């Protein structure tokens, strides 16, 4: 390499780094979770809520990281993270992931406690148990969990079937209740 080639090489290397840096930036509208959608009457223990929240947040972080923050991955993972923050508003994994995303950083790949197929079966089973509880927030959470189970593992016929039956009988779940970004709340007229 000749001496005059060094500055040219350095210029192109820096330009490519800057281009990669710009490419890694993405838009994340922060989740606005002031209070949980689920009360203490939800048929889940606090520790169970926290465990589900950690695994949902880890799945969301991995989804975004594995897909290089594509718009589809961000929109998909947003629902997982929002549900995690509603289940346990002070969950460490959920809050750290939310903070990193709001700063435009891709979260580190997080080893969840379960593989995706196992996690989908766990969500399906918990959703089916919640369905048997009194209506209200239990059935609302059941609807969310069963749909997420089908999305995580579309080869799980039981999860897909349960999700489709719920969709046909009750319509799709309203994810806006969970995921509405900061500053985009609906305002009610007095």
Protein backbone atom coordinates (compact mmCIF):
# COMPACT_ATOMS: atom_id res chain seq x y z
CA UNK A 1 0.00 0.00 0.00
CA UNK A 2 1.41 3.34 -0.99
CA UNK A 3 1.35 6.28 1.40
CA UNK A 4 -1.12 8.28 -0.71
CA UNK A 5 -3.60 5.36 -0.62
CA UNK A 6 -3.85 5.47 3.18
CA UNK A 7 -6.01 8.65 3.40
CA UNK A 8 -8.30 7.38 0.63
CA UNK A 9 -8.73 4.05 2.40
CA UNK A 10 -9.43 5.81 5.71
CA UNK A 11 -12.01 8.08 4.06
CA UNK A 12 -13.96 5.15 2.60
CA UNK A 13 -13.75 3.19 5.84
CA UNK A 14 -15.16 6.12 7.83
CA UNK A 15 -17.86 6.74 5.23
CA UNK A 16 -18.99 3.11 5.40
CA UNK A 17 -19.05 3.21 9.22
CA UNK A 18 -21.16 6.37 9.15
CA UNK A 19 -23.53 4.77 6.64
CA UNK A 20 -23.91 1.70 8.89
CA UNK A 21 -24.53 3.97 11.88
CA UNK A 22 -27.25 5.86 10.01
CA UNK A 23 -28.78 2.59 8.87
CA UNK A 24 -28.95 1.28 12.45
CA UNK A 25 -31.03 4.26 13.58
CA UNK A 26 -34.74 3.63 13.78
CA UNK A 27 -37.82 5.28 15.15
CA UNK A 28 -39.30 4.01 18.38
CA UNK A 29 -42.30 5.81 19.80
CA UNK A 30 -41.96 5.34 23.58
CA UNK A 31 -44.71 3.33 25.20
CA UNK A 32 -46.84 5.41 27.52
CA UNK A 33 -47.64 3.09 30.41
CA UNK A 34 -48.81 5.24 33.30
CA UNK A 35 -50.86 2.54 34.98
CA UNK A 36 -51.23 -1.11 34.20
CA UNK A 37 -54.27 -2.23 32.26
CA UNK A 38 -54.42 -5.17 34.69
CA UNK A 39 -55.35 -4.78 38.34
CA UNK A 40 -54.45 -6.91 41.35
CA UNK A 41 -57.67 -8.85 40.65
CA UNK A 42 -55.98 -10.51 37.67
CA UNK A 43 -55.61 -14.20 38.43
CA UNK A 44 -51.78 -14.13 38.37
CA UNK A 45 -49.33 -13.80 41.22
CA UNK A 46 -46.94 -10.84 41.16
CA UNK A 47 -43.92 -13.10 40.68
CA UNK A 48 -45.66 -14.87 37.79
CA UNK A 49 -46.51 -11.54 36.16
CA UNK A 50 -42.86 -10.50 36.48
CA UNK A 51 -41.59 -13.76 34.97
CA UNK A 52 -43.94 -13.46 31.99
CA UNK A 53 -42.95 -9.80 31.58
CA UNK A 54 -39.24 -10.68 31.52
CA UNK A 55 -39.74 -13.33 28.87
CA UNK A 56 -42.03 -11.15 26.75
CA UNK A 57 -39.48 -8.30 26.89
CA UNK A 58 -36.62 -10.67 26.02
CA UNK A 59 -38.61 -11.96 23.05
CA UNK A 60 -39.28 -8.37 21.91
CA UNK A 61 -35.60 -7.41 22.20
CA UNK A 62 -34.53 -10.50 20.27
CA UNK A 63 -37.16 -9.93 17.57
CA UNK A 64 -35.87 -6.40 16.94
CA UNK A 65 -32.19 -7.35 17.10
CA UNK A 66 -32.50 -10.43 14.86
CA UNK A 67 -34.39 -8.44 12.21
CA UNK A 68 -32.13 -5.35 12.34
CA UNK A 69 -34.96 -3.13 13.59
CA UNK A 70 -37.11 -3.55 10.52
CA UNK A 71 -40.43 -1.75 10.69
CA UNK A 72 -42.30 -5.06 10.80
CA UNK A 73 -40.12 -6.33 13.65
CA UNK A 74 -40.55 -3.10 15.62
CA UNK A 75 -44.33 -3.17 15.23
CA UNK A 76 -44.46 -6.85 16.16
CA UNK A 77 -42.14 -6.51 19.15
CA UNK A 78 -43.98 -3.39 20.36
CA UNK A 79 -46.96 -5.52 21.35
CA UNK A 80 -44.79 -7.96 23.32
CA UNK A 81 -43.02 -5.17 25.16
CA UNK A 82 -46.25 -3.29 25.87
CA UNK A 83 -47.85 -6.41 27.34
CA UNK A 84 -44.73 -6.99 29.44
CA UNK A 85 -44.90 -3.45 30.81
CA UNK A 86 -48.61 -3.80 31.60
CA UNK A 87 -48.07 -7.09 33.41
CA UNK A 88 -45.17 -5.73 35.47
CA UNK A 89 -44.60 -1.97 35.03
CA UNK A 90 -41.29 -2.08 36.95
CA UNK A 91 -39.85 -5.14 35.22
CA UNK A 92 -36.11 -4.65 34.67
CA UNK A 93 -35.88 -6.35 31.26
CA UNK A 94 -38.87 -4.41 29.92
CA UNK A 95 -37.68 -1.03 31.21
CA UNK A 96 -34.11 -1.50 29.95
CA UNK A 97 -35.34 -2.61 26.52
CA UNK A 98 -37.76 0.33 26.33
CA UNK A 99 -34.97 2.79 27.29
CA UNK A 100 -32.51 1.38 24.75
CA UNK A 101 -35.06 1.47 21.97
CA UNK A 102 -36.06 5.04 22.81
CA UNK A 103 -32.37 6.00 22.42
CA UNK A 104 -32.17 4.31 19.01
CA UNK A 105 -30.00 1.45 20.29
CA UNK A 106 -30.52 -2.14 19.31
CA UNK A 107 -30.87 -4.16 22.50
CA UNK A 108 -28.44 -6.96 23.21
CA UNK A 109 -29.68 -10.40 22.26
CA UNK A 110 -31.26 -11.69 25.43
CA UNK A 111 -31.39 -15.34 26.34
CA UNK A 112 -34.99 -15.89 27.38
CA UNK A 113 -35.89 -18.70 29.75
CA UNK A 114 -37.62 -20.62 26.96
CA UNK A 115 -37.18 -21.41 23.29
CA UNK A 116 -39.87 -19.82 21.07
CA UNK A 117 -41.93 -23.05 20.65
CA UNK A 118 -41.86 -23.74 24.39
CA UNK A 119 -42.70 -20.12 25.19
CA UNK A 120 -45.64 -20.27 22.75
CA UNK A 121 -46.98 -23.41 24.47
CA UNK A 122 -46.58 -21.73 27.86
CA UNK A 123 -48.49 -18.62 26.69
CA UNK A 124 -51.22 -20.78 25.17
CA UNK A 125 -51.65 -22.83 28.33
CA UNK A 126 -51.73 -19.75 30.55
CA UNK A 127 -54.18 -18.06 28.20
CA UNK A 128 -56.48 -21.08 28.30
CA UNK A 129 -56.40 -21.09 32.10
CA UNK A 130 -57.23 -17.39 32.20
CA UNK A 131 -60.17 -17.98 29.84
CA UNK A 132 -61.77 -20.16 32.52
CA UNK A 133 -61.66 -17.32 35.06
CA UNK A 134 -64.34 -14.63 35.48
CA UNK A 135 -64.66 -12.36 32.44
CA UNK A 136 -62.98 -8.98 32.25
CA UNK A 137 -59.26 -8.51 32.48
CA UNK A 138 -58.64 -12.27 32.71
CA UNK A 139 -60.26 -12.92 29.33
CA UNK A 140 -58.61 -9.83 27.87
CA UNK A 141 -55.16 -11.10 28.88
CA UNK A 142 -56.11 -14.60 27.67
CA UNK A 143 -56.91 -13.15 24.24
CA UNK A 144 -53.53 -11.36 24.09
CA UNK A 145 -51.54 -14.39 25.26
CA UNK A 146 -53.22 -16.82 22.89
CA UNK A 147 -52.72 -14.55 19.88
CA UNK A 148 -49.05 -14.04 20.78
CA UNK A 149 -48.61 -17.80 21.16
CA UNK A 150 -49.92 -18.31 17.62
CA UNK A 151 -47.62 -15.58 16.29
CA UNK A 152 -44.53 -16.95 18.03
CA UNK A 153 -45.09 -20.49 16.77
CA UNK A 154 -47.45 -20.61 13.78
CA UNK A 155 -46.75 -24.36 13.50
CA UNK A 156 -48.43 -24.91 16.87
CA UNK A 157 -51.85 -25.92 15.59
CA UNK A 158 -53.48 -25.68 19.01
CA UNK A 159 -52.33 -22.08 19.45
CA UNK A 160 -53.38 -21.10 15.93
CA UNK A 161 -56.75 -22.78 16.32
CA UNK A 162 -57.45 -21.16 19.70
CA UNK A 163 -56.36 -17.76 18.36
CA UNK A 164 -58.55 -18.07 15.28
CA UNK A 165 -61.59 -19.21 17.29
CA UNK A 166 -61.17 -16.21 19.62
CA UNK A 167 -60.81 -13.91 16.62
CA UNK A 168 -63.93 -15.30 14.97
CA UNK A 169 -66.00 -15.18 18.18
CA UNK A 170 -64.75 -11.92 19.71
CA UNK A 171 -62.84 -10.14 16.98
CA UNK A 172 -59.12 -9.35 17.08
CA UNK A 173 -57.74 -7.98 20.35
CA UNK A 174 -57.40 -4.22 20.62
CA UNK A 175 -53.62 -3.74 20.78
CA UNK A 176 -54.01 0.06 20.85
CA UNK A 177 -55.04 -0.22 24.50
CA UNK A 178 -51.52 -1.46 25.19
CA UNK A 179 -49.32 0.13 22.59
CA UNK A 180 -50.47 3.72 22.07
CA UNK A 181 -47.27 5.86 21.87
CA UNK A 182 -46.60 8.86 24.08
CA UNK A 183 -48.42 11.96 22.85
CA UNK A 184 -50.87 9.96 20.75
CA UNK A 185 -53.49 9.26 23.40
CA UNK A 186 -57.08 9.59 22.43
CA UNK A 187 -58.62 12.64 23.97
CA UNK A 188 -62.14 12.43 25.20
CA UNK A 189 -64.44 15.36 24.65
CA UNK A 190 -66.05 16.74 27.85
